[in-house]
């Protein structure tokens, strides 16, 4: 099992799908699994119950799916904050191989600006400058957790083929 770790918009889902397609592995997006299990999107759940309640539930979604899955060859895209809660990094490091997709704050903001920010409750209404300050601060707080990953792939920069290049780098680094 491979667990993709990284900040919002790092490409965990996109890279995970590419990686699964190229290797023939299964792919699971934990945010999508959360929605299927709880009937609310992550954003809706956070608005309704708060971040702490979400983090608690998120932890058990991953562990339950990992326990129930009859497949060994699975690529999981975790949520951006998942590694920073309780012992989650220890958990995924024990369950499989963890890969941190590392981007600069500036490139993450550029990627975030291409998404629907309304699905990211703590980012709604920010200007680009405010978003950069927020991402920079949060990335600094999260980096010690992300760096506990067994592997790290440095993103090539804000270019159209970045996700494909990251997937190829993971395949190469893990000899898949």
C-alpha atoms as a PDB file:
ATOM      1  CA  UNK A   1       0.000   0.000   0.000  1.00  0.00           C
ATOM      2  CA  UNK A   2       1.147   3.504  -0.805  1.00  0.00           C
ATOM      3  CA  UNK A   3      -0.072   6.541   1.123  1.00  0.00           C
ATOM      4  CA  UNK A   4       0.341   9.887  -0.620  1.00  0.00           C
ATOM      5  CA  UNK A   5       0.972  12.703   1.844  1.00  0.00           C
ATOM      6  CA  UNK A   6       1.057  16.440   1.197  1.00  0.00           C
ATOM      7  CA  UNK A   7      -0.642  19.782   1.459  1.00  0.00           C
ATOM      8  CA  UNK A   8      -3.935  20.715  -0.217  1.00  0.00           C
ATOM      9  CA  UNK A   9      -3.554  20.840  -4.007  1.00  0.00           C
ATOM     10  CA  UNK A  10      -0.300  18.861  -3.912  1.00  0.00           C
ATOM     11  CA  UNK A  11      -1.893  16.482  -6.405  1.00  0.00           C
ATOM     12  CA  UNK A  12      -2.418  13.519  -4.110  1.00  0.00           C
ATOM     13  CA  UNK A  13      -5.651  12.519  -5.840  1.00  0.00           C
ATOM     14  CA  UNK A  14      -4.511  13.263  -9.388  1.00  0.00           C
ATOM     15  CA  UNK A  15      -1.098  11.661  -8.903  1.00  0.00           C
ATOM     16  CA  UNK A  16      -2.740   8.740  -7.109  1.00  0.00           C
ATOM     17  CA  UNK A  17      -5.059   8.073 -10.055  1.00  0.00           C
ATOM     18  CA  UNK A  18      -2.169   8.309 -12.530  1.00  0.00           C
ATOM     19  CA  UNK A  19      -0.040   6.043 -10.357  1.00  0.00           C
ATOM     20  CA  UNK A  20      -2.837   3.477 -10.059  1.00  0.00           C
ATOM     21  CA  UNK A  21      -3.436   3.543 -13.829  1.00  0.00           C
ATOM     22  CA  UNK A  22       0.249   3.052 -14.608  1.00  0.00           C
ATOM     23  CA  UNK A  23       0.784   0.241 -12.099  1.00  0.00           C
ATOM     24  CA  UNK A  24      -2.590  -1.516 -12.270  1.00  0.00           C
ATOM     25  CA  UNK A  25      -3.102  -0.861  -8.561  1.00  0.00           C
ATOM     26  CA  UNK A  26      -6.383   0.228  -7.012  1.00  0.00           C
ATOM     27  CA  UNK A  27      -6.900   3.850  -5.972  1.00  0.00           C
ATOM     28  CA  UNK A  28      -8.753   5.215  -2.932  1.00  0.00           C
ATOM     29  CA  UNK A  29      -9.247   8.897  -2.215  1.00  0.00           C
ATOM     30  CA  UNK A  30      -9.864   9.164   1.516  1.00  0.00           C
ATOM     31  CA  UNK A  31     -11.929  12.357   1.181  1.00  0.00           C
ATOM     32  CA  UNK A  32     -14.242  10.539  -1.262  1.00  0.00           C
ATOM     33  CA  UNK A  33     -14.385   7.508   1.049  1.00  0.00           C
ATOM     34  CA  UNK A  34     -15.235   9.813   3.967  1.00  0.00           C
ATOM     35  CA  UNK A  35     -18.127  11.271   1.972  1.00  0.00           C
ATOM     36  CA  UNK A  36     -19.452   7.814   1.047  1.00  0.00           C
ATOM     37  CA  UNK A  37     -19.297   6.626   4.656  1.00  0.00           C
ATOM     38  CA  UNK A  38     -20.649   9.751   6.369  1.00  0.00           C
ATOM     39  CA  UNK A  39     -22.947  11.116   3.669  1.00  0.00           C
ATOM     40  CA  UNK A  40     -21.382  14.588   3.762  1.00  0.00           C
ATOM     41  CA  UNK A  41     -18.442  16.062   1.890  1.00  0.00           C
ATOM     42  CA  UNK A  42     -15.446  17.006   3.989  1.00  0.00           C
ATOM     43  CA  UNK A  43     -16.380  20.689   3.675  1.00  0.00           C
ATOM     44  CA  UNK A  44     -19.990  20.015   4.716  1.00  0.00           C
ATOM     45  CA  UNK A  45     -18.891  17.875   7.650  1.00  0.00           C
ATOM     46  CA  UNK A  46     -16.447  20.534   8.880  1.00  0.00           C
ATOM     47  CA  UNK A  47     -19.092  23.262   8.575  1.00  0.00           C
ATOM     48  CA  UNK A  48     -21.594  21.114  10.484  1.00  0.00           C
ATOM     49  CA  UNK A  49     -19.393  19.548  13.187  1.00  0.00           C
ATOM     50  CA  UNK A  50     -16.042  21.355  13.161  1.00  0.00           C
ATOM     51  CA  UNK A  51     -12.481  20.435  12.236  1.00  0.00           C
ATOM     52  CA  UNK A  52     -11.723  18.416  15.371  1.00  0.00           C
ATOM     53  CA  UNK A  53     -14.736  16.142  14.855  1.00  0.00           C
ATOM     54  CA  UNK A  54     -13.712  15.693  11.228  1.00  0.00           C
ATOM     55  CA  UNK A  55     -10.109  14.780  12.125  1.00  0.00           C
ATOM     56  CA  UNK A  56     -11.354  12.195  14.606  1.00  0.00           C
ATOM     57  CA  UNK A  57     -13.649  10.571  12.012  1.00  0.00           C
ATOM     58  CA  UNK A  58     -11.053  10.859   9.227  1.00  0.00           C
ATOM     59  CA  UNK A  59      -8.547   8.818  11.228  1.00  0.00           C
ATOM     60  CA  UNK A  60     -10.931   5.886  11.477  1.00  0.00           C
ATOM     61  CA  UNK A  61     -12.007   6.018   7.837  1.00  0.00           C
ATOM     62  CA  UNK A  62      -8.454   5.258   6.741  1.00  0.00           C
ATOM     63  CA  UNK A  63      -7.905   2.552   9.347  1.00  0.00           C
ATOM     64  CA  UNK A  64     -11.261   0.885   8.614  1.00  0.00           C
ATOM     65  CA  UNK A  65     -10.675   0.897   4.853  1.00  0.00           C
ATOM     66  CA  UNK A  66      -7.159  -0.493   5.269  1.00  0.00           C
ATOM     67  CA  UNK A  67      -8.455  -3.248   7.569  1.00  0.00           C
ATOM     68  CA  UNK A  68     -11.342  -4.180   5.260  1.00  0.00           C
ATOM     69  CA  UNK A  69      -9.480  -4.071   1.955  1.00  0.00           C
ATOM     70  CA  UNK A  70      -8.648  -7.477   0.506  1.00  0.00           C
ATOM     71  CA  UNK A  71      -6.099  -5.792  -1.778  1.00  0.00           C
ATOM     72  CA  UNK A  72      -2.448  -5.158  -1.037  1.00  0.00           C
ATOM     73  CA  UNK A  73      -1.738  -3.001  -4.082  1.00  0.00           C
ATOM     74  CA  UNK A  74      -3.658   0.157  -3.236  1.00  0.00           C
ATOM     75  CA  UNK A  75      -2.693   3.818  -3.623  1.00  0.00           C
ATOM     76  CA  UNK A  76      -4.342   6.045  -1.012  1.00  0.00           C
ATOM     77  CA  UNK A  77      -4.628   9.822  -1.261  1.00  0.00           C
ATOM     78  CA  UNK A  78      -4.816  11.179   2.280  1.00  0.00           C
ATOM     79  CA  UNK A  79      -6.241  14.528   3.304  1.00  0.00           C
ATOM     80  CA  UNK A  80      -3.746  17.372   3.636  1.00  0.00           C
ATOM     81  CA  UNK A  81      -4.107  17.590   7.415  1.00  0.00           C
ATOM     82  CA  UNK A  82      -4.385  13.861   8.047  1.00  0.00           C
ATOM     83  CA  UNK A  83      -0.696  13.317   8.909  1.00  0.00           C
ATOM     84  CA  UNK A  84      -0.780  16.050  11.575  1.00  0.00           C
ATOM     85  CA  UNK A  85      -3.427  14.492  13.808  1.00  0.00           C
ATOM     86  CA  UNK A  86      -2.597  12.189  16.723  1.00  0.00           C
ATOM     87  CA  UNK A  87      -0.394   9.263  15.633  1.00  0.00           C
ATOM     88  CA  UNK A  88      -1.578   9.178  12.023  1.00  0.00           C
ATOM     89  CA  UNK A  89       1.903   9.267  10.487  1.00  0.00           C
ATOM     90  CA  UNK A  90       2.981   6.335  12.648  1.00  0.00           C
ATOM     91  CA  UNK A  91      -0.151   4.514  11.548  1.00  0.00           C
ATOM     92  CA  UNK A  92       0.348   4.950   7.793  1.00  0.00           C
ATOM     93  CA  UNK A  93       4.087   4.269   8.074  1.00  0.00           C
ATOM     94  CA  UNK A  94       3.194   0.928   9.693  1.00  0.00           C
ATOM     95  CA  UNK A  95       0.437   0.121   7.192  1.00  0.00           C
ATOM     96  CA  UNK A  96       2.460   0.761   4.048  1.00  0.00           C
ATOM     97  CA  UNK A  97       4.785   3.069   2.168  1.00  0.00           C
ATOM     98  CA  UNK A  98       4.361   6.815   2.617  1.00  0.00           C
ATOM     99  CA  UNK A  99       5.327   9.366  -0.015  1.00  0.00           C
ATOM    100  CA  UNK A 100       5.338  13.106   0.645  1.00  0.00           C
ATOM    101  CA  UNK A 101       4.625  15.199  -2.460  1.00  0.00           C
ATOM    102  CA  UNK A 102       6.455  18.401  -1.635  1.00  0.00           C
ATOM    103  CA  UNK A 103       5.683  21.750  -3.269  1.00  0.00           C
ATOM    104  CA  UNK A 104       6.655  25.336  -2.553  1.00  0.00           C
ATOM    105  CA  UNK A 105       3.970  27.479  -0.940  1.00  0.00           C
ATOM    106  CA  UNK A 106       3.864  29.708  -4.037  1.00  0.00           C
ATOM    107  CA  UNK A 107       3.203  26.775  -6.358  1.00  0.00           C
ATOM    108  CA  UNK A 108       0.558  25.361  -4.002  1.00  0.00           C
ATOM    109  CA  UNK A 109      -1.258  28.696  -4.056  1.00  0.00           C
ATOM    110  CA  UNK A 110      -1.151  28.726  -7.868  1.00  0.00           C
ATOM    111  CA  UNK A 111      -2.630  25.226  -7.897  1.00  0.00           C
ATOM    112  CA  UNK A 112      -5.244  26.110  -5.261  1.00  0.00           C
ATOM    113  CA  UNK A 113      -6.342  29.108  -7.323  1.00  0.00           C
ATOM    114  CA  UNK A 114      -7.329  26.648 -10.080  1.00  0.00           C
ATOM    115  CA  UNK A 115      -9.683  24.764  -7.728  1.00  0.00           C
ATOM    116  CA  UNK A 116     -13.083  25.513  -6.276  1.00  0.00           C
ATOM    117  CA  UNK A 117     -12.074  27.146  -2.990  1.00  0.00           C
ATOM    118  CA  UNK A 118     -15.630  26.789  -1.668  1.00  0.00           C
ATOM    119  CA  UNK A 119     -14.818  23.102  -1.065  1.00  0.00           C
ATOM    120  CA  UNK A 120     -11.995  24.200   1.251  1.00  0.00           C
ATOM    121  CA  UNK A 121     -13.742  25.960   4.163  1.00  0.00           C
ATOM    122  CA  UNK A 122     -10.662  27.590   5.698  1.00  0.00           C
ATOM    123  CA  UNK A 123      -9.636  29.198   2.394  1.00  0.00           C
ATOM    124  CA  UNK A 124     -12.877  30.827   1.254  1.00  0.00           C
ATOM    125  CA  UNK A 125     -12.698  34.571   0.745  1.00  0.00           C
ATOM    126  CA  UNK A 126      -8.901  34.933   0.873  1.00  0.00           C
ATOM    127  CA  UNK A 127      -7.038  37.128  -1.578  1.00  0.00           C
ATOM    128  CA  UNK A 128      -4.014  35.549  -3.257  1.00  0.00           C
ATOM    129  CA  UNK A 129      -1.709  37.330  -0.784  1.00  0.00           C
ATOM    130  CA  UNK A 130      -3.739  36.157   2.224  1.00  0.00           C
ATOM    131  CA  UNK A 131      -3.814  32.667   0.786  1.00  0.00           C
ATOM    132  CA  UNK A 132      -0.026  32.669   0.374  1.00  0.00           C
ATOM    133  CA  UNK A 133       0.453  33.798   3.986  1.00  0.00           C
ATOM    134  CA  UNK A 134      -1.967  31.103   5.193  1.00  0.00           C
ATOM    135  CA  UNK A 135      -0.395  28.318   3.116  1.00  0.00           C
ATOM    136  CA  UNK A 136       3.145  29.359   4.079  1.00  0.00           C
ATOM    137  CA  UNK A 137       2.292  29.335   7.780  1.00  0.00           C
ATOM    138  CA  UNK A 138       0.362  26.078   7.668  1.00  0.00           C
ATOM    139  CA  UNK A 139       2.980  24.368   5.514  1.00  0.00           C
ATOM    140  CA  UNK A 140       5.669  25.283   8.053  1.00  0.00           C
ATOM    141  CA  UNK A 141       3.516  23.776  10.824  1.00  0.00           C
ATOM    142  CA  UNK A 142       2.816  20.600   8.857  1.00  0.00           C
ATOM    143  CA  UNK A 143       6.224  20.013   7.311  1.00  0.00           C
ATOM    144  CA  UNK A 144       7.623  18.139  10.368  1.00  0.00           C
ATOM    145  CA  UNK A 145       4.768  15.646  10.054  1.00  0.00           C
ATOM    146  CA  UNK A 146       5.035  15.341   6.280  1.00  0.00           C
ATOM    147  CA  UNK A 147       8.791  14.779   6.547  1.00  0.00           C
ATOM    148  CA  UNK A 148       8.139  11.616   8.572  1.00  0.00           C
ATOM    149  CA  UNK A 149       7.177  10.000   5.262  1.00  0.00           C
ATOM    150  CA  UNK A 150       9.442   7.239   4.083  1.00  0.00           C
ATOM    151  CA  UNK A 151       9.950   8.972   0.725  1.00  0.00           C
ATOM    152  CA  UNK A 152       9.738  12.540  -0.502  1.00  0.00           C
ATOM    153  CA  UNK A 153       9.187  13.673  -4.080  1.00  0.00           C
ATOM    154  CA  UNK A 154       9.983  17.296  -4.826  1.00  0.00           C
ATOM    155  CA  UNK A 155       7.438  18.692  -7.271  1.00  0.00           C
ATOM    156  CA  UNK A 156       8.972  20.023 -10.493  1.00  0.00           C
ATOM    157  CA  UNK A 157       7.163  23.363 -10.232  1.00  0.00           C
ATOM    158  CA  UNK A 158       3.918  24.804 -11.510  1.00  0.00           C
ATOM    159  CA  UNK A 159       3.932  23.216 -14.960  1.00  0.00           C
ATOM    160  CA  UNK A 160       1.169  21.340 -16.805  1.00  0.00           C
ATOM    161  CA  UNK A 161       2.907  17.955 -16.715  1.00  0.00           C
ATOM    162  CA  UNK A 162       3.835  18.117 -13.001  1.00  0.00           C
ATOM    163  CA  UNK A 163       1.392  15.439 -11.801  1.00  0.00           C
ATOM    164  CA  UNK A 164       2.522  12.987 -14.485  1.00  0.00           C
ATOM    165  CA  UNK A 165       6.162  13.674 -13.628  1.00  0.00           C
ATOM    166  CA  UNK A 166       5.506  13.129  -9.921  1.00  0.00           C
ATOM    167  CA  UNK A 167       3.765   9.793 -10.611  1.00  0.00           C
ATOM    168  CA  UNK A 168       6.716   8.703 -12.764  1.00  0.00           C
ATOM    169  CA  UNK A 169       9.157   9.752 -10.030  1.00  0.00           C
ATOM    170  CA  UNK A 170       7.242   7.652  -7.477  1.00  0.00           C
ATOM    171  CA  UNK A 171       7.265   4.641  -9.786  1.00  0.00           C
ATOM    172  CA  UNK A 172      10.990   5.053 -10.275  1.00  0.00           C
ATOM    173  CA  UNK A 173      11.817   5.652  -6.620  1.00  0.00           C
ATOM    174  CA  UNK A 174       9.708   2.705  -5.409  1.00  0.00           C
ATOM    175  CA  UNK A 175      10.699   0.405  -8.289  1.00  0.00           C
ATOM    176  CA  UNK A 176       7.072  -0.305  -9.181  1.00  0.00           C
END
